[in-house]
Amino acid sequence: LQAFDAVLELAAVLAPDRQALEACAADEVLLDGIVRMKQEGEQKYGVDSTPSFVINGRSYAGALSPAELARIIDPLLASR
């Protein structure tokens, strides 16, 4: 529980409503969805690091700059 308390304290800086944070953390449907998304990322796209991005079915690992993201995304938008 200590780690969770530390997360709540850190999150309180961004969202000072502790009750809302605790309600979010207790939302089993939300947590199950996060776990499913994590597992899909690992199994389907080979995601094994944070941050990682899956764009148009392709996985990109690491912190991408806005320019790098634009280089990946812009051609996809142009082809629409």
C-alpha atoms as a PDB file:
ATOM      1  CA  LEU A   1       0.000   0.000   0.000  1.00  0.00           C
ATOM      2  CA  GLN A   2       2.942   2.334   0.448  1.00  0.00           C
ATOM      3  CA  ALA A   3       3.583   2.483  -3.295  1.00  0.00           C
ATOM      4  CA  PHE A   4      -0.076   3.303  -3.975  1.00  0.00           C
ATOM      5  CA  ASP A   5       0.020   6.088  -1.385  1.00  0.00           C
ATOM      6  CA  ALA A   6       3.111   7.503  -3.096  1.00  0.00           C
ATOM      7  CA  VAL A   7       1.302   7.425  -6.459  1.00  0.00           C
ATOM      8  CA  LEU A   8      -1.676   9.211  -4.927  1.00  0.00           C
ATOM      9  CA  GLU A   9       0.577  11.888  -3.475  1.00  0.00           C
ATOM     10  CA  LEU A  10       2.282  12.395  -6.824  1.00  0.00           C
ATOM     11  CA  ALA A  11      -1.022  12.436  -8.693  1.00  0.00           C
ATOM     12  CA  ALA A  12      -2.422  14.968  -6.232  1.00  0.00           C
ATOM     13  CA  VAL A  13      -0.049  17.527  -7.703  1.00  0.00           C
ATOM     14  CA  LEU A  14      -1.875  17.237 -11.032  1.00  0.00           C
ATOM     15  CA  ALA A  15      -5.353  16.401  -9.765  1.00  0.00           C
ATOM     16  CA  PRO A  16      -5.910  17.526  -6.187  1.00  0.00           C
ATOM     17  CA  ASP A  17      -9.238  15.644  -5.803  1.00  0.00           C
ATOM     18  CA  ARG A  18      -8.036  12.613  -3.804  1.00  0.00           C
ATOM     19  CA  GLN A  19     -11.508  11.033  -3.735  1.00  0.00           C
ATOM     20  CA  ALA A  20     -11.658  11.101  -7.538  1.00  0.00           C
ATOM     21  CA  LEU A  21      -8.184   9.534  -7.717  1.00  0.00           C
ATOM     22  CA  GLU A  22      -9.139   6.784  -5.286  1.00  0.00           C
ATOM     23  CA  ALA A  23     -12.386   6.116  -7.178  1.00  0.00           C
ATOM     24  CA  CYS A  24     -10.442   5.844 -10.417  1.00  0.00           C
ATOM     25  CA  ALA A  25      -7.954   3.437  -8.839  1.00  0.00           C
ATOM     26  CA  ALA A  26     -10.810   1.316  -7.477  1.00  0.00           C
ATOM     27  CA  ASP A  27     -12.589   1.088 -10.853  1.00  0.00           C
ATOM     28  CA  GLU A  28     -12.137  -2.604 -11.718  1.00  0.00           C
ATOM     29  CA  VAL A  29     -13.551  -2.195 -15.243  1.00  0.00           C
ATOM     30  CA  LEU A  30     -11.017   0.536 -15.980  1.00  0.00           C
ATOM     31  CA  LEU A  31      -8.161  -1.461 -14.453  1.00  0.00           C
ATOM     32  CA  ASP A  32      -9.142  -4.593 -16.408  1.00  0.00           C
ATOM     33  CA  GLY A  33      -9.154  -2.541 -19.624  1.00  0.00           C
ATOM     34  CA  ILE A  34      -5.686  -1.203 -18.873  1.00  0.00           C
ATOM     35  CA  VAL A  35      -4.381  -4.719 -18.225  1.00  0.00           C
ATOM     36  CA  ARG A  36      -5.957  -6.004 -21.474  1.00  0.00           C
ATOM     37  CA  MET A  37      -4.422  -3.127 -23.444  1.00  0.00           C
ATOM     38  CA  LYS A  38      -1.011  -3.799 -21.872  1.00  0.00           C
ATOM     39  CA  GLN A  39      -1.225  -7.498 -22.710  1.00  0.00           C
ATOM     40  CA  GLU A  40      -2.292  -6.781 -26.289  1.00  0.00           C
ATOM     41  CA  GLY A  41       0.602  -4.378 -26.707  1.00  0.00           C
ATOM     42  CA  GLU A  42       3.043  -6.987 -25.460  1.00  0.00           C
ATOM     43  CA  GLN A  43       1.627  -9.943 -27.381  1.00  0.00           C
ATOM     44  CA  LYS A  44       0.438  -8.390 -30.639  1.00  0.00           C
ATOM     45  CA  TYR A  45       2.961  -5.579 -31.102  1.00  0.00           C
ATOM     46  CA  GLY A  46       5.990  -6.686 -29.071  1.00  0.00           C
ATOM     47  CA  VAL A  47       5.849  -3.649 -26.786  1.00  0.00           C
ATOM     48  CA  ASP A  48       8.431  -4.126 -24.050  1.00  0.00           C
ATOM     49  CA  SER A  49       9.356  -0.614 -22.982  1.00  0.00           C
ATOM     50  CA  THR A  50       7.884   2.678 -21.897  1.00  0.00           C
ATOM     51  CA  PRO A  51       7.208   4.817 -23.710  1.00  0.00           C
ATOM     52  CA  SER A  52       6.155   2.904 -26.792  1.00  0.00           C
ATOM     53  CA  PHE A  53       3.781   3.875 -29.557  1.00  0.00           C
ATOM     54  CA  VAL A  54       1.724   1.688 -31.874  1.00  0.00           C
ATOM     55  CA  ILE A  55       0.907   3.647 -34.997  1.00  0.00           C
ATOM     56  CA  ASN A  56      -0.990   2.033 -37.837  1.00  0.00           C
ATOM     57  CA  GLY A  57      -0.097  -1.422 -36.508  1.00  0.00           C
ATOM     58  CA  ARG A  58       3.629  -0.772 -36.174  1.00  0.00           C
ATOM     59  CA  SER A  59       5.445  -0.459 -32.845  1.00  0.00           C
ATOM     60  CA  TYR A  60       7.916   2.331 -32.073  1.00  0.00           C
ATOM     61  CA  ALA A  61       9.932   2.133 -28.843  1.00  0.00           C
ATOM     62  CA  GLY A  62      11.346   5.072 -26.970  1.00  0.00           C
ATOM     63  CA  ALA A  63      10.597   8.726 -26.487  1.00  0.00           C
ATOM     64  CA  LEU A  64       9.924  10.100 -29.948  1.00  0.00           C
ATOM     65  CA  SER A  65      10.284  13.791 -30.594  1.00  0.00           C
ATOM     66  CA  PRO A  66       7.417  15.723 -32.161  1.00  0.00           C
ATOM     67  CA  ALA A  67       9.418  15.798 -35.418  1.00  0.00           C
ATOM     68  CA  GLU A  68       9.850  12.010 -35.340  1.00  0.00           C
ATOM     69  CA  LEU A  69       6.157  11.498 -34.671  1.00  0.00           C
ATOM     70  CA  ALA A  70       5.285  13.869 -37.516  1.00  0.00           C
ATOM     71  CA  ARG A  71       7.597  11.938 -39.863  1.00  0.00           C
ATOM     72  CA  ILE A  72       5.651   8.768 -39.047  1.00  0.00           C
ATOM     73  CA  ILE A  73       2.131  10.191 -38.902  1.00  0.00           C
ATOM     74  CA  ASP A  74       2.080  12.835 -41.656  1.00  0.00           C
ATOM     75  CA  PRO A  75       2.343  10.369 -44.563  1.00  0.00           C
ATOM     76  CA  LEU A  76      -0.494   8.346 -43.042  1.00  0.00           C
ATOM     77  CA  LEU A  77      -2.671  11.433 -42.823  1.00  0.00           C
ATOM     78  CA  ALA A  78      -1.803  12.477 -46.378  1.00  0.00           C
ATOM     79  CA  SER A  79      -2.897   9.115 -47.741  1.00  0.00           C
ATOM     80  CA  ARG A  80      -6.413   9.456 -46.281  1.00  0.00           C
END
